[in-house]
């Protein structure tokens, strides 16, 4: 394991931020096609205006699925020397606030722990908050478990 990842998890009081990503209607539509979830609040801008959201919103699972990309967009967490990263799962996921089409989101990472599971294999636990630009409430909060093989 590199000194870099050790340093990140040695300071749990530190918080790291990804770059912003725009969640536009084209992204939402592609996700709807892949998951076969074409509920009008996601894919019908005209009908969704009358919904409680006032327009189309991203699927909660789309927000969740952006986490690997958002981690890649977090310079402080870059781990170029890893051979493989594996998603182990989540201890907790909550969708707090809808992400309106056209919104920008970013991830806030708070490292919780790191544990060596086998030589060169480390399990990391992070508390992640996905923020929405200009909105007080987060889109999502989660505790994510990932394994990295060096």
Protein backbone atom coordinates (compact mmCIF):
# COMPACT_ATOMS: atom_id res chain seq x y z
CA UNK A 1 0.00 0.00 0.00
CA UNK A 2 1.22 3.43 -0.78
CA UNK A 3 1.93 6.11 1.73
CA UNK A 4 -0.64 8.24 -0.07
CA UNK A 5 -3.65 6.08 0.78
CA UNK A 6 -2.34 5.54 4.31
CA UNK A 7 -2.15 9.31 4.76
CA UNK A 8 -5.73 9.79 3.55
CA UNK A 9 -7.18 7.26 5.98
CA UNK A 10 -4.92 8.36 8.84
CA UNK A 11 -6.75 11.71 8.88
CA UNK A 12 -10.48 10.93 9.21
CA UNK A 13 -11.17 14.58 10.04
CA UNK A 14 -10.23 15.53 6.47
CA UNK A 15 -12.93 15.90 3.84
CA UNK A 16 -12.25 15.65 0.11
CA UNK A 17 -14.32 16.98 -2.77
CA UNK A 18 -14.74 15.80 -6.34
CA UNK A 19 -15.11 18.08 -9.30
CA UNK A 20 -18.66 18.98 -10.32
CA UNK A 21 -20.59 16.86 -12.85
CA UNK A 22 -23.72 18.00 -14.69
CA UNK A 23 -26.64 15.58 -14.59
CA UNK A 24 -28.50 16.52 -17.76
CA UNK A 25 -31.59 15.06 -19.38
CA UNK A 26 -29.55 13.05 -21.86
CA UNK A 27 -27.76 11.27 -18.98
CA UNK A 28 -31.08 10.62 -17.24
CA UNK A 29 -32.61 9.25 -20.44
CA UNK A 30 -29.65 6.91 -21.05
CA UNK A 31 -29.91 5.61 -17.49
CA UNK A 32 -33.67 5.07 -17.94
CA UNK A 33 -32.97 3.06 -21.10
CA UNK A 34 -30.38 0.86 -19.38
CA UNK A 35 -32.51 0.21 -16.29
CA UNK A 36 -35.89 0.13 -18.08
CA UNK A 37 -37.17 2.71 -15.55
CA UNK A 38 -39.05 5.19 -17.71
CA UNK A 39 -41.24 6.72 -15.02
CA UNK A 40 -42.44 10.13 -16.24
CA UNK A 41 -40.69 12.04 -13.43
CA UNK A 42 -37.42 11.00 -15.07
CA UNK A 43 -38.08 11.08 -18.81
CA UNK A 44 -41.10 13.28 -19.62
CA UNK A 45 -40.19 16.95 -19.08
CA UNK A 46 -43.68 18.20 -20.03
CA UNK A 47 -45.55 15.87 -17.69
CA UNK A 48 -42.95 16.17 -14.90
CA UNK A 49 -43.58 19.93 -14.62
CA UNK A 50 -46.85 19.09 -12.86
CA UNK A 51 -45.12 16.65 -10.47
CA UNK A 52 -44.05 17.61 -6.94
CA UNK A 53 -40.54 18.07 -8.36
CA UNK A 54 -41.51 20.72 -10.94
CA UNK A 55 -39.53 18.98 -13.68
CA UNK A 56 -37.61 15.83 -14.41
CA UNK A 57 -35.31 14.38 -11.78
CA UNK A 58 -32.50 11.85 -11.90
CA UNK A 59 -33.09 8.35 -10.63
CA UNK A 60 -31.69 7.89 -7.14
CA UNK A 61 -29.78 4.91 -8.46
CA UNK A 62 -28.24 7.13 -11.14
CA UNK A 63 -26.88 9.37 -8.40
CA UNK A 64 -25.51 6.31 -6.61
CA UNK A 65 -23.97 4.95 -9.81
CA UNK A 66 -22.01 8.17 -10.30
CA UNK A 67 -19.85 7.47 -7.23
CA UNK A 68 -17.00 5.66 -9.04
CA UNK A 69 -16.76 8.51 -11.53
CA UNK A 70 -16.94 11.13 -8.79
CA UNK A 71 -14.18 9.33 -6.90
CA UNK A 72 -12.04 9.46 -10.05
CA UNK A 73 -12.71 13.21 -10.11
CA UNK A 74 -11.37 13.65 -6.57
CA UNK A 75 -7.67 14.52 -6.98
CA UNK A 76 -6.77 13.87 -3.33
CA UNK A 77 -8.04 10.28 -3.66
CA UNK A 78 -6.27 9.43 -6.92
CA UNK A 79 -4.61 6.02 -6.65
CA UNK A 80 -2.78 5.55 -9.93
CA UNK A 81 -0.82 2.57 -8.63
CA UNK A 82 -3.79 0.30 -7.90
CA UNK A 83 -4.24 -2.79 -10.03
CA UNK A 84 -7.95 -3.22 -9.31
CA UNK A 85 -10.70 -1.50 -7.37
CA UNK A 86 -13.72 -3.57 -6.38
CA UNK A 87 -17.06 -2.30 -5.13
CA UNK A 88 -17.91 -4.36 -2.03
CA UNK A 89 -21.18 -2.60 -1.26
CA UNK A 90 -22.87 -0.10 1.00
CA UNK A 91 -23.72 -0.15 4.67
CA UNK A 92 -26.15 2.72 4.22
CA UNK A 93 -27.67 4.65 1.32
CA UNK A 94 -30.27 7.38 1.63
CA UNK A 95 -31.66 9.56 -1.16
CA UNK A 96 -32.28 12.84 0.63
CA UNK A 97 -33.16 15.35 -2.10
CA UNK A 98 -34.01 14.96 -5.81
CA UNK A 99 -31.46 15.94 -8.44
CA UNK A 100 -33.25 18.07 -11.04
CA UNK A 101 -32.22 17.65 -14.65
CA UNK A 102 -29.47 20.16 -15.45
CA UNK A 103 -28.14 20.24 -11.89
CA UNK A 104 -24.50 19.83 -11.05
CA UNK A 105 -23.41 17.40 -8.36
CA UNK A 106 -20.19 16.60 -6.56
CA UNK A 107 -19.13 14.10 -3.93
CA UNK A 108 -17.79 14.92 -0.50
CA UNK A 109 -15.67 12.07 0.84
CA UNK A 110 -14.95 11.45 4.52
CA UNK A 111 -12.59 8.48 4.99
CA UNK A 112 -13.72 6.24 7.85
CA UNK A 113 -11.31 3.31 7.93
CA UNK A 114 -8.82 1.16 6.10
CA UNK A 115 -8.02 -2.50 6.79
CA UNK A 116 -5.59 -4.88 5.13
CA UNK A 117 -7.63 -7.94 4.10
CA UNK A 118 -4.77 -9.81 2.39
CA UNK A 119 -1.24 -8.84 1.37
CA UNK A 120 -1.65 -5.88 -0.99
CA UNK A 121 -5.46 -5.81 -0.64
CA UNK A 122 -7.06 -3.08 1.43
CA UNK A 123 -10.69 -2.46 2.30
CA UNK A 124 -11.64 1.19 2.63
CA UNK A 125 -14.82 2.57 4.13
CA UNK A 126 -15.93 6.09 3.23
CA UNK A 127 -18.87 8.24 4.21
CA UNK A 128 -19.97 9.94 1.01
CA UNK A 129 -22.32 12.86 0.55
CA UNK A 130 -23.43 13.85 -2.93
CA UNK A 131 -24.09 17.58 -2.98
CA UNK A 132 -26.23 19.50 -5.45
CA UNK A 133 -25.00 22.89 -6.62
CA UNK A 134 -27.11 25.66 -5.08
CA UNK A 135 -29.18 23.30 -2.88
CA UNK A 136 -28.74 23.07 0.90
CA UNK A 137 -29.82 19.45 1.27
CA UNK A 138 -27.61 16.72 -0.16
CA UNK A 139 -28.87 14.49 -2.92
CA UNK A 140 -27.60 11.36 -1.22
CA UNK A 141 -25.63 10.09 1.74
CA UNK A 142 -23.96 6.69 1.86
CA UNK A 143 -21.34 4.57 3.56
CA UNK A 144 -19.36 2.88 0.79
CA UNK A 145 -17.05 -0.10 1.11
CA UNK A 146 -14.35 -0.58 -1.55
CA UNK A 147 -11.38 -2.94 -1.88
CA UNK A 148 -8.19 -1.91 -3.61
CA UNK A 149 -5.58 -4.36 -4.85
CA UNK A 150 -2.08 -2.94 -5.21
